[in-house]
Amino acid sequence: MVLRDVNLVLKKPSICFCSEDFRQIKIWKYSKISWKTLKLCPDVLCVTLLMKASNGDIMNAMQRCILTLYTYDSKPEDISAENVLRQSIEMIAKLPLIAVYSYHSYRHFRRDETLFIRNPQKGLSLAENILLMLRPDGKYTELEAKVLDIALILHAEHGGGNNSTFTTHVVTSSGTDTYSSIAASIGSLKGPRHGGANLKVQNMFEDIEANVKDWTDEKEVEAYLRKILNKEAFDHTGLIYGMGHAVYTLSDPREVILKRFARDLAQEKGMMKEFALYELVERLAGRMVMEQRRLFKNVCANVDFYSGFVYTMLGIPKELFTPIFAIARIPGWSAHRLEEILNASKIIRPAYKYVGHHANFVPFDERASEEGCEEVLRDLEKESPEQPEEQAETIEKEAPQDSTECPEEKK
């Protein structure tokens, strides 16, 4: 709870963190923490984000700003648990400002729209301050703030096996500073295979809504979903996004909770027709995926299925979908960084196994030219000095490729 709502830190006399083996408990006193120490001065952010450089990708801007915070820290290289806890709490409080201010900078400098900056207010939760700073009028309903707060909690952490959290462990094990570790985690989450799932779901539903005339016609909806599975529609990948999970089969408990709040928000926004379409696709897609892939285990919707819909109803732009994910996930990254510092003393490194074919060494003068190599060498001799990169790219495409693939890469 402390990591979810930074304001709670101001109300608690201490913070307790228990290590993995439950034998060592560290308690740090934070009774003197003030609001000023937890929030980044808006003037500093405005200078860093607005006056120097704007980013077309908000995740990239967040990485840059997190690394910039290193400059404003009096003890940036101190990786003691107490100092890392302080840095983590401060970054949890500052990341919403960084994300929202980066978006406003993007709107103004990249899309030539009106620039407005609203400072966060003391006493409000992270969710309330996000809506306050994001909207031109700064107004929001109690349900809107509650739904966003729930979404942040549900996305906060989901085990250490996900890509960005594992990145936190790997980078932390090298002994680097907190800002470098969190920046690396943001870089991992930026990848579309990790942090872009809810955006894919939202784009898929926009495609369904545009191509299905009657959203209540179960047969028409099922026929279009069949086209998606057959790679005949949407992005031609054969995937129905938001369906399936590596662990959950009967249901994803996070999705069950978020769906309930999505229904309440849809009623408030007058978007029950859209919500009914989501329910219909959820009901049909699980069975269709099982039939298409001949699976014996159940396929359920995951938390990303409704999160994009929730963000859209809250008026959160698509550019902030993944940054909101990062805002939710940074408490989990921070906890895992503390766990790695307290419980581990060795660097994490992978163990590689060569799966190619071994060959005996042949001296250069005794090597026979492979088929096609002589022609490539002649082309290299004719290479134009004005276009070396373009010619190199052509040669790379023409060169014979090794057909051996790693089994793990195929998966």
Protein backbone atom coordinates (compact mmCIF):
# COMPACT_ATOMS: atom_id res chain seq x y z
CA MET A 1 0.00 0.00 0.00
CA VAL A 2 2.85 2.35 0.72
CA LEU A 3 4.23 1.87 -2.77
CA ARG A 4 0.81 2.27 -4.38
CA ASP A 5 -0.01 5.63 -2.82
CA VAL A 6 3.01 7.72 -1.96
CA ASN A 7 0.88 10.01 0.18
CA LEU A 8 0.46 7.15 2.64
CA VAL A 9 4.16 7.42 3.40
CA LEU A 10 3.52 10.80 4.94
CA LYS A 11 1.00 9.29 7.31
CA LYS A 12 3.12 6.33 8.47
CA PRO A 13 5.96 6.64 10.98
CA SER A 14 8.02 3.89 9.36
CA ILE A 15 8.26 1.54 6.40
CA CYS A 16 8.95 -2.16 6.83
CA PHE A 17 10.57 -4.36 4.19
CA CYS A 18 10.96 -8.10 4.74
CA SER A 19 13.61 -10.01 2.84
CA GLU A 20 12.86 -13.16 0.87
CA ASP A 21 13.94 -15.63 3.54
CA PHE A 22 11.89 -13.79 6.23
CA ARG A 23 14.82 -13.93 8.65
CA GLN A 24 16.02 -10.37 8.26
CA ILE A 25 13.72 -7.39 8.65
CA LYS A 26 14.89 -3.87 7.91
CA ILE A 27 12.99 -0.85 9.20
CA TRP A 28 13.78 2.66 8.11
CA LYS A 29 12.26 5.74 9.71
CA TYR A 30 10.65 8.19 7.34
CA SER A 31 8.77 10.37 9.81
CA LYS A 32 10.52 13.51 8.53
CA ILE A 33 9.74 13.01 4.82
CA SER A 34 7.99 16.07 3.43
CA TRP A 35 6.04 16.59 0.23
CA LYS A 36 8.93 18.54 -1.27
CA THR A 37 11.29 15.57 -0.97
CA LEU A 38 8.83 13.25 -2.69
CA LYS A 39 7.89 15.39 -5.67
CA LEU A 40 10.18 16.69 -8.36
CA CYS A 41 10.16 20.47 -8.76
CA PRO A 42 7.95 21.18 -11.84
CA ASP A 43 10.43 23.88 -12.94
CA VAL A 44 13.18 21.26 -13.25
CA LEU A 45 10.90 18.97 -15.27
CA CYS A 46 9.75 21.80 -17.52
CA VAL A 47 13.33 22.76 -18.31
CA THR A 48 14.40 19.16 -18.90
CA LEU A 49 11.37 18.08 -20.95
CA LEU A 50 9.94 21.17 -22.57
CA MET A 51 12.83 23.54 -23.15
CA LYS A 52 15.54 21.09 -24.24
CA ALA A 53 13.99 18.26 -26.26
CA SER A 54 10.63 16.60 -26.75
CA ASN A 55 10.18 12.95 -27.65
CA GLY A 56 7.84 11.28 -30.08
CA ASP A 57 7.89 8.21 -27.81
CA ILE A 58 6.95 8.91 -24.19
CA MET A 59 8.75 5.81 -22.90
CA ASN A 60 12.00 7.11 -24.34
CA ALA A 61 11.40 10.46 -22.62
CA MET A 62 10.78 8.66 -19.32
CA GLN A 63 14.06 6.79 -19.65
CA ARG A 64 15.93 10.02 -20.33
CA CYS A 65 14.36 11.81 -17.38
CA ILE A 66 14.98 8.91 -14.97
CA LEU A 67 18.66 9.02 -15.90
CA THR A 68 18.61 12.82 -15.48
CA LEU A 69 17.43 12.38 -11.88
CA TYR A 70 20.87 10.90 -11.17
CA THR A 71 22.26 14.45 -11.48
CA TYR A 72 19.90 15.80 -8.79
CA ASP A 73 20.66 13.03 -6.27
CA SER A 74 23.27 13.74 -3.61
CA LYS A 75 23.98 10.00 -3.22
CA PRO A 76 23.25 8.44 -6.61
CA GLU A 77 25.83 5.63 -6.35
CA ASP A 78 24.89 4.53 -2.84
CA ILE A 79 23.28 1.11 -3.24
CA SER A 80 22.60 0.46 0.41
CA ALA A 81 19.08 -0.81 1.00
CA GLU A 82 18.10 2.32 2.92
CA ASN A 83 19.22 4.67 0.15
CA VAL A 84 17.69 2.53 -2.60
CA LEU A 85 14.38 2.57 -0.73
CA ARG A 86 14.51 6.38 -0.61
CA GLN A 87 15.32 6.59 -4.32
CA SER A 88 12.54 4.14 -5.15
CA ILE A 89 9.87 6.06 -3.25
CA GLU A 90 10.94 9.30 -4.89
CA MET A 91 10.82 7.79 -8.39
CA ILE A 92 7.38 6.28 -7.74
CA ALA A 93 6.17 9.79 -6.90
CA LYS A 94 7.94 11.49 -9.80
CA LEU A 95 7.19 9.08 -12.66
CA PRO A 96 3.56 10.26 -13.17
CA LEU A 97 4.79 13.85 -13.57
CA ILE A 98 7.48 12.74 -16.00
CA ALA A 99 4.98 10.77 -18.11
CA VAL A 100 2.26 13.44 -18.22
CA TYR A 101 4.65 16.36 -18.77
CA SER A 102 6.39 14.39 -21.54
CA TYR A 103 3.05 13.88 -23.24
CA HIS A 104 2.18 17.58 -23.02
CA SER A 105 5.61 18.39 -24.49
CA TYR A 106 4.96 15.93 -27.30
CA ARG A 107 1.55 17.48 -28.02
CA HIS A 108 2.94 21.00 -28.14
CA PHE A 109 6.19 20.54 -30.05
CA ARG A 110 5.32 17.58 -32.28
CA ARG A 111 1.61 18.21 -32.97
CA ASP A 112 1.50 21.98 -32.56
CA GLU A 113 -1.25 21.90 -29.92
CA THR A 114 -1.76 24.18 -26.93
CA LEU A 115 0.65 23.60 -24.07
CA PHE A 116 -0.66 23.49 -20.52
CA ILE A 117 1.12 22.41 -17.36
CA ARG A 118 -0.69 21.73 -14.09
CA ASN A 119 1.21 21.02 -10.88
CA PRO A 120 0.27 18.00 -8.74
CA GLN A 121 -1.66 18.64 -5.55
CA LYS A 122 -0.73 17.47 -2.10
CA GLY A 123 -3.18 15.04 -0.56
CA LEU A 124 -4.27 13.42 -3.84
CA SER A 125 -3.44 9.85 -4.85
CA LEU A 126 -1.25 9.06 -7.83
CA ALA A 127 -4.35 8.23 -9.90
CA GLU A 128 -6.06 11.49 -8.98
CA ASN A 129 -2.96 13.53 -9.79
CA ILE A 130 -2.55 11.80 -13.14
CA LEU A 131 -6.10 12.77 -14.16
CA LEU A 132 -5.66 16.26 -12.69
CA MET A 133 -2.45 16.95 -14.63
CA LEU A 134 -3.58 15.25 -17.85
CA ARG A 135 -6.93 16.94 -18.41
CA PRO A 136 -7.25 20.57 -19.55
CA ASP A 137 -9.95 21.32 -16.95
CA GLY A 138 -8.35 19.13 -14.26
CA LYS A 139 -11.74 17.60 -13.40
CA TYR A 140 -12.51 13.93 -12.77
CA THR A 141 -15.18 11.86 -11.04
CA GLU A 142 -14.66 9.70 -7.97
CA LEU A 143 -15.34 6.56 -10.04
CA GLU A 144 -12.76 7.57 -12.68
CA ALA A 145 -10.06 8.02 -10.05
CA LYS A 146 -11.01 4.75 -8.36
CA VAL A 147 -10.93 2.77 -11.61
CA LEU A 148 -7.50 4.16 -12.57
CA ASP A 149 -6.24 3.42 -9.06
CA ILE A 150 -7.49 -0.17 -9.36
CA ALA A 151 -5.81 -0.52 -12.77
CA LEU A 152 -2.50 0.70 -11.34
CA ILE A 153 -2.72 -1.80 -8.49
CA LEU A 154 -3.56 -4.73 -10.79
CA HIS A 155 -0.61 -3.93 -13.07
CA ALA A 156 1.84 -3.23 -10.22
CA GLU A 157 3.54 -6.61 -10.14
CA HIS A 158 3.00 -10.08 -11.46
CA GLY A 159 5.94 -12.21 -10.44
CA GLY A 160 9.63 -11.87 -11.22
CA GLY A 161 9.45 -13.89 -14.43
CA ASN A 162 8.27 -11.11 -16.71
CA ASN A 163 10.82 -9.44 -18.97
CA SER A 164 11.10 -6.02 -17.32
CA THR A 165 11.25 -7.33 -13.75
CA PHE A 166 13.87 -9.89 -14.70
CA THR A 167 15.77 -7.03 -16.34
CA THR A 168 15.69 -5.26 -12.97
CA HIS A 169 17.25 -8.30 -11.28
CA VAL A 170 19.93 -8.75 -13.95
CA VAL A 171 21.00 -5.09 -14.04
CA THR A 172 20.83 -4.75 -10.24
CA SER A 173 23.07 -7.79 -9.80
CA SER A 174 25.88 -5.92 -11.57
CA GLY A 175 25.99 -3.41 -8.70
CA THR A 176 24.89 -0.42 -10.76
CA ASP A 177 22.87 2.56 -9.49
CA THR A 178 19.10 2.67 -9.07
CA TYR A 179 18.47 5.08 -11.94
CA SER A 180 20.33 2.90 -14.45
CA SER A 181 18.41 -0.15 -13.26
CA ILE A 182 14.97 1.46 -13.59
CA ALA A 183 15.88 3.00 -16.95
CA ALA A 184 16.77 -0.49 -18.20
CA SER A 185 13.43 -1.83 -16.96
CA ILE A 186 11.58 0.93 -18.79
CA GLY A 187 13.51 0.04 -21.93
CA SER A 188 12.34 -3.56 -21.59
CA LEU A 189 8.71 -2.56 -21.04
CA LYS A 190 8.86 -0.26 -24.08
CA GLY A 191 9.13 -3.29 -26.36
CA PRO A 192 5.78 -4.09 -28.04
CA ARG A 193 6.07 -7.77 -27.12
CA HIS A 194 6.02 -6.83 -23.44
CA GLY A 195 4.33 -3.50 -22.73
CA GLY A 196 2.20 -2.97 -25.81
CA ALA A 197 -0.40 -5.69 -25.36
CA ASN A 198 -3.27 -3.43 -24.24
CA LEU A 199 -2.64 -1.10 -27.18
CA LYS A 200 -2.82 -4.07 -29.55
CA VAL A 201 -6.14 -5.08 -28.00
CA GLN A 202 -7.53 -1.57 -28.41
CA ASN A 203 -6.43 -1.36 -32.05
CA MET A 204 -7.94 -4.79 -32.70
CA PHE A 205 -11.32 -3.73 -31.31
CA GLU A 206 -11.28 -0.55 -33.37
CA ASP A 207 -10.76 -2.77 -36.41
CA ILE A 208 -13.61 -5.07 -35.34
CA GLU A 209 -15.95 -2.12 -34.76
CA ALA A 210 -15.13 -0.75 -38.21
CA ASN A 211 -15.67 -4.04 -40.06
CA VAL A 212 -18.58 -5.63 -38.17
CA LYS A 213 -21.88 -3.95 -38.97
CA ASP A 214 -23.98 -5.44 -36.16
CA TRP A 215 -22.00 -5.71 -32.92
CA THR A 216 -24.79 -7.77 -31.35
CA ASP A 217 -24.82 -10.39 -34.15
CA GLU A 218 -22.92 -13.30 -32.66
CA LYS A 219 -22.45 -15.05 -36.00
CA GLU A 220 -21.07 -11.95 -37.72
CA VAL A 221 -18.66 -11.26 -34.88
CA GLU A 222 -17.53 -14.89 -34.83
CA ALA A 223 -16.99 -14.85 -38.60
CA TYR A 224 -14.71 -11.82 -38.35
CA LEU A 225 -12.79 -13.32 -35.43
CA ARG A 226 -12.29 -16.40 -37.60
CA LYS A 227 -10.75 -14.15 -40.26
CA ILE A 228 -8.38 -12.72 -37.66
CA LEU A 229 -7.33 -16.22 -36.58
CA ASN A 230 -6.83 -17.22 -40.24
CA LYS A 231 -4.55 -14.18 -40.80
CA GLU A 232 -7.07 -12.68 -43.19
CA ALA A 233 -7.91 -9.56 -41.15
CA PHE A 234 -6.48 -6.93 -38.80
CA ASP A 235 -2.65 -7.27 -38.61
CA HIS A 236 -2.52 -10.73 -40.27
CA THR A 237 -0.69 -12.36 -37.35
CA GLY A 238 -3.45 -14.83 -36.52
CA LEU A 239 -3.65 -13.56 -32.94
CA ILE A 240 -6.66 -12.42 -30.94
CA TYR A 241 -4.93 -10.07 -28.52
CA GLY A 242 -5.80 -10.11 -24.84
CA MET A 243 -6.62 -13.82 -24.87
CA GLY A 244 -4.53 -16.46 -23.13
CA HIS A 245 -1.99 -16.52 -20.32
CA ALA A 246 1.09 -18.59 -19.54
CA VAL A 247 -0.19 -19.48 -16.03
CA TYR A 248 -3.90 -18.70 -15.81
CA THR A 249 -6.30 -20.95 -17.70
CA LEU A 250 -9.72 -20.82 -16.06
CA SER A 251 -9.53 -17.08 -15.41
CA ASP A 252 -7.08 -14.25 -14.80
CA PRO A 253 -8.09 -12.81 -11.39
CA ARG A 254 -6.81 -9.37 -12.42
CA GLU A 255 -9.05 -9.39 -15.49
CA VAL A 256 -12.07 -10.41 -13.42
CA ILE A 257 -11.61 -7.42 -11.11
CA LEU A 258 -10.88 -4.92 -13.89
CA LYS A 259 -13.85 -6.13 -15.92
CA ARG A 260 -16.20 -5.34 -13.04
CA PHE A 261 -14.91 -1.77 -12.80
CA ALA A 262 -14.92 -1.44 -16.60
CA ARG A 263 -18.63 -2.22 -16.57
CA ASP A 264 -19.29 0.44 -13.93
CA LEU A 265 -17.29 3.02 -15.88
CA ALA A 266 -19.02 2.08 -19.14
CA GLN A 267 -22.39 2.72 -17.50
CA GLU A 268 -21.23 6.14 -16.31
CA LYS A 269 -19.84 7.00 -19.76
CA GLY A 270 -22.79 5.64 -21.75
CA MET A 271 -20.59 3.03 -23.50
CA MET A 272 -22.43 -0.17 -22.62
CA LYS A 273 -22.75 -1.04 -26.33
CA GLU A 274 -18.96 -1.14 -26.59
CA PHE A 275 -18.68 -3.08 -23.33
CA ALA A 276 -21.17 -5.68 -24.63
CA LEU A 277 -18.95 -6.18 -27.68
CA TYR A 278 -15.95 -6.81 -25.44
CA GLU A 279 -17.96 -9.38 -23.45
CA LEU A 280 -19.08 -11.11 -26.63
CA VAL A 281 -15.56 -11.33 -28.05
CA GLU A 282 -14.27 -12.62 -24.70
CA ARG A 283 -16.91 -15.35 -24.68
CA LEU A 284 -16.29 -16.43 -28.30
CA ALA A 285 -12.53 -16.00 -28.61
CA GLY A 286 -11.46 -18.48 -25.93
CA ARG A 287 -13.32 -21.37 -27.55
CA MET A 288 -12.23 -20.35 -31.07
CA VAL A 289 -8.54 -20.18 -30.12
CA MET A 290 -8.77 -23.63 -28.52
CA GLU A 291 -10.35 -25.06 -31.67
CA GLN A 292 -7.93 -23.33 -34.03
CA ARG A 293 -4.80 -24.45 -32.16
CA ARG A 294 -6.24 -27.76 -30.94
CA LEU A 295 -5.57 -26.96 -27.31
CA PHE A 296 -6.89 -29.04 -24.44
CA LYS A 297 -6.52 -26.39 -21.75
CA ASN A 298 -8.90 -23.48 -21.40
CA VAL A 299 -7.99 -20.08 -22.87
CA CYS A 300 -9.16 -17.08 -20.84
CA ALA A 301 -8.91 -13.32 -21.23
CA ASN A 302 -5.97 -11.66 -19.49
CA VAL A 303 -5.74 -8.28 -17.75
CA ASP A 304 -4.80 -6.49 -21.01
CA PHE A 305 -8.17 -7.38 -22.55
CA TYR A 306 -10.07 -4.61 -20.75
CA SER A 307 -7.24 -2.24 -19.71
CA GLY A 308 -7.05 -0.42 -23.07
CA PHE A 309 -10.83 0.01 -23.04
CA VAL A 310 -10.64 1.42 -19.51
CA TYR A 311 -7.88 3.87 -20.46
CA THR A 312 -9.90 5.00 -23.49
CA MET A 313 -12.98 5.65 -21.36
CA LEU A 314 -10.78 7.66 -18.97
CA GLY A 315 -9.63 9.83 -21.86
CA ILE A 316 -6.03 8.61 -21.60
CA PRO A 317 -4.36 8.92 -25.03
CA LYS A 318 -2.79 5.86 -26.65
CA GLU A 319 0.66 7.44 -26.34
CA LEU A 320 0.33 7.02 -22.56
CA PHE A 321 -0.93 3.41 -22.47
CA THR A 322 2.52 1.87 -21.96
CA PRO A 323 3.79 4.76 -19.75
CA ILE A 324 0.79 4.15 -17.45
CA PHE A 325 1.90 0.52 -17.33
CA ALA A 326 5.38 1.70 -16.30
CA ILE A 327 3.90 3.94 -13.59
CA ALA A 328 2.07 0.91 -12.23
CA ARG A 329 5.03 -1.45 -12.55
CA ILE A 330 7.75 0.68 -10.93
CA PRO A 331 6.74 -0.33 -7.36
CA GLY A 332 7.29 -3.97 -8.36
CA TRP A 333 10.63 -3.15 -9.98
CA SER A 334 11.68 -1.31 -6.82
CA ALA A 335 10.72 -4.21 -4.56
CA HIS A 336 12.61 -6.69 -6.73
CA ARG A 337 15.67 -4.42 -6.78
CA LEU A 338 15.62 -4.32 -2.98
CA GLU A 339 15.23 -8.10 -2.89
CA GLU A 340 18.22 -8.56 -5.19
CA ILE A 341 20.36 -6.20 -3.09
CA LEU A 342 19.43 -7.83 0.23
CA ASN A 343 19.52 -11.48 -0.78
CA ALA A 344 22.05 -11.88 -3.57
CA SER A 345 25.77 -11.26 -3.87
CA LYS A 346 26.58 -12.66 -7.31
CA ILE A 347 26.10 -11.22 -10.77
CA ILE A 348 23.44 -12.88 -12.94
CA ARG A 349 24.79 -14.15 -16.22
CA PRO A 350 23.34 -16.62 -18.75
CA ALA A 351 24.82 -20.02 -19.54
CA TYR A 352 25.07 -20.47 -23.30
CA LYS A 353 25.06 -23.79 -25.13
CA TYR A 354 26.28 -23.93 -28.73
CA VAL A 355 23.76 -25.74 -30.94
CA GLY A 356 25.55 -25.30 -34.29
CA HIS A 357 27.88 -27.68 -36.12
CA HIS A 358 31.54 -27.88 -35.11
CA ALA A 359 34.18 -27.79 -37.84
CA ASN A 360 37.92 -28.31 -37.86
CA PHE A 361 40.14 -25.28 -38.37
CA VAL A 362 41.44 -24.86 -41.92
CA PRO A 363 44.31 -22.41 -42.64
CA PHE A 364 43.29 -19.46 -44.78
CA ASP A 365 45.46 -20.42 -47.74
CA GLU A 366 43.98 -23.91 -47.87
CA ARG A 367 40.34 -22.84 -47.81
CA ALA A 368 38.26 -23.42 -50.94
CA SER A 369 35.97 -20.64 -52.13
CA GLU A 370 32.34 -21.33 -51.46
CA GLU A 371 29.83 -21.21 -54.28
CA GLY A 372 28.84 -17.66 -54.99
CA CYS A 373 31.62 -16.07 -52.93
CA GLU A 374 33.76 -15.20 -55.94
CA GLU A 375 30.89 -13.27 -57.46
CA VAL A 376 30.35 -11.40 -54.20
CA LEU A 377 34.08 -10.52 -54.07
CA ARG A 378 33.92 -9.14 -57.62
CA ASP A 379 30.97 -7.00 -56.61
CA LEU A 380 32.94 -5.74 -53.63
CA GLU A 381 35.78 -4.66 -55.93
CA LYS A 382 33.30 -2.63 -57.97
CA GLU A 383 31.76 -1.11 -54.85
CA SER A 384 31.11 2.61 -55.18
CA PRO A 385 32.82 4.63 -52.40
CA GLU A 386 29.87 7.03 -52.35
CA GLN A 387 27.36 4.30 -51.28
CA PRO A 388 29.19 1.79 -49.04
CA GLU A 389 26.29 1.17 -46.63
CA GLU A 390 23.73 0.50 -49.37
CA GLN A 391 26.07 -1.91 -51.15
CA ALA A 392 26.84 -3.72 -47.91
CA GLU A 393 23.12 -4.19 -47.27
CA THR A 394 22.71 -5.76 -50.77
CA ILE A 395 25.60 -8.14 -50.18
CA GLU A 396 24.13 -9.18 -46.82
CA LYS A 397 20.85 -10.10 -48.52
CA GLU A 398 22.59 -12.07 -51.28
CA ALA A 399 25.00 -13.94 -49.03
CA PRO A 400 24.03 -17.56 -48.20
CA GLN A 401 22.42 -17.99 -44.81
CA ASP A 402 22.96 -20.77 -42.32
CA SER A 403 19.79 -22.86 -42.17
CA THR A 404 20.45 -24.03 -38.59
CA GLU A 405 18.12 -22.35 -36.09
CA CYS A 406 18.04 -22.45 -32.33
CA PRO A 407 14.95 -24.38 -31.09
CA GLU A 408 14.29 -21.71 -28.48
CA GLU A 409 14.19 -19.01 -31.19
CA LYS A 410 11.58 -20.93 -33.16
CA LYS A 411 9.29 -20.84 -30.16
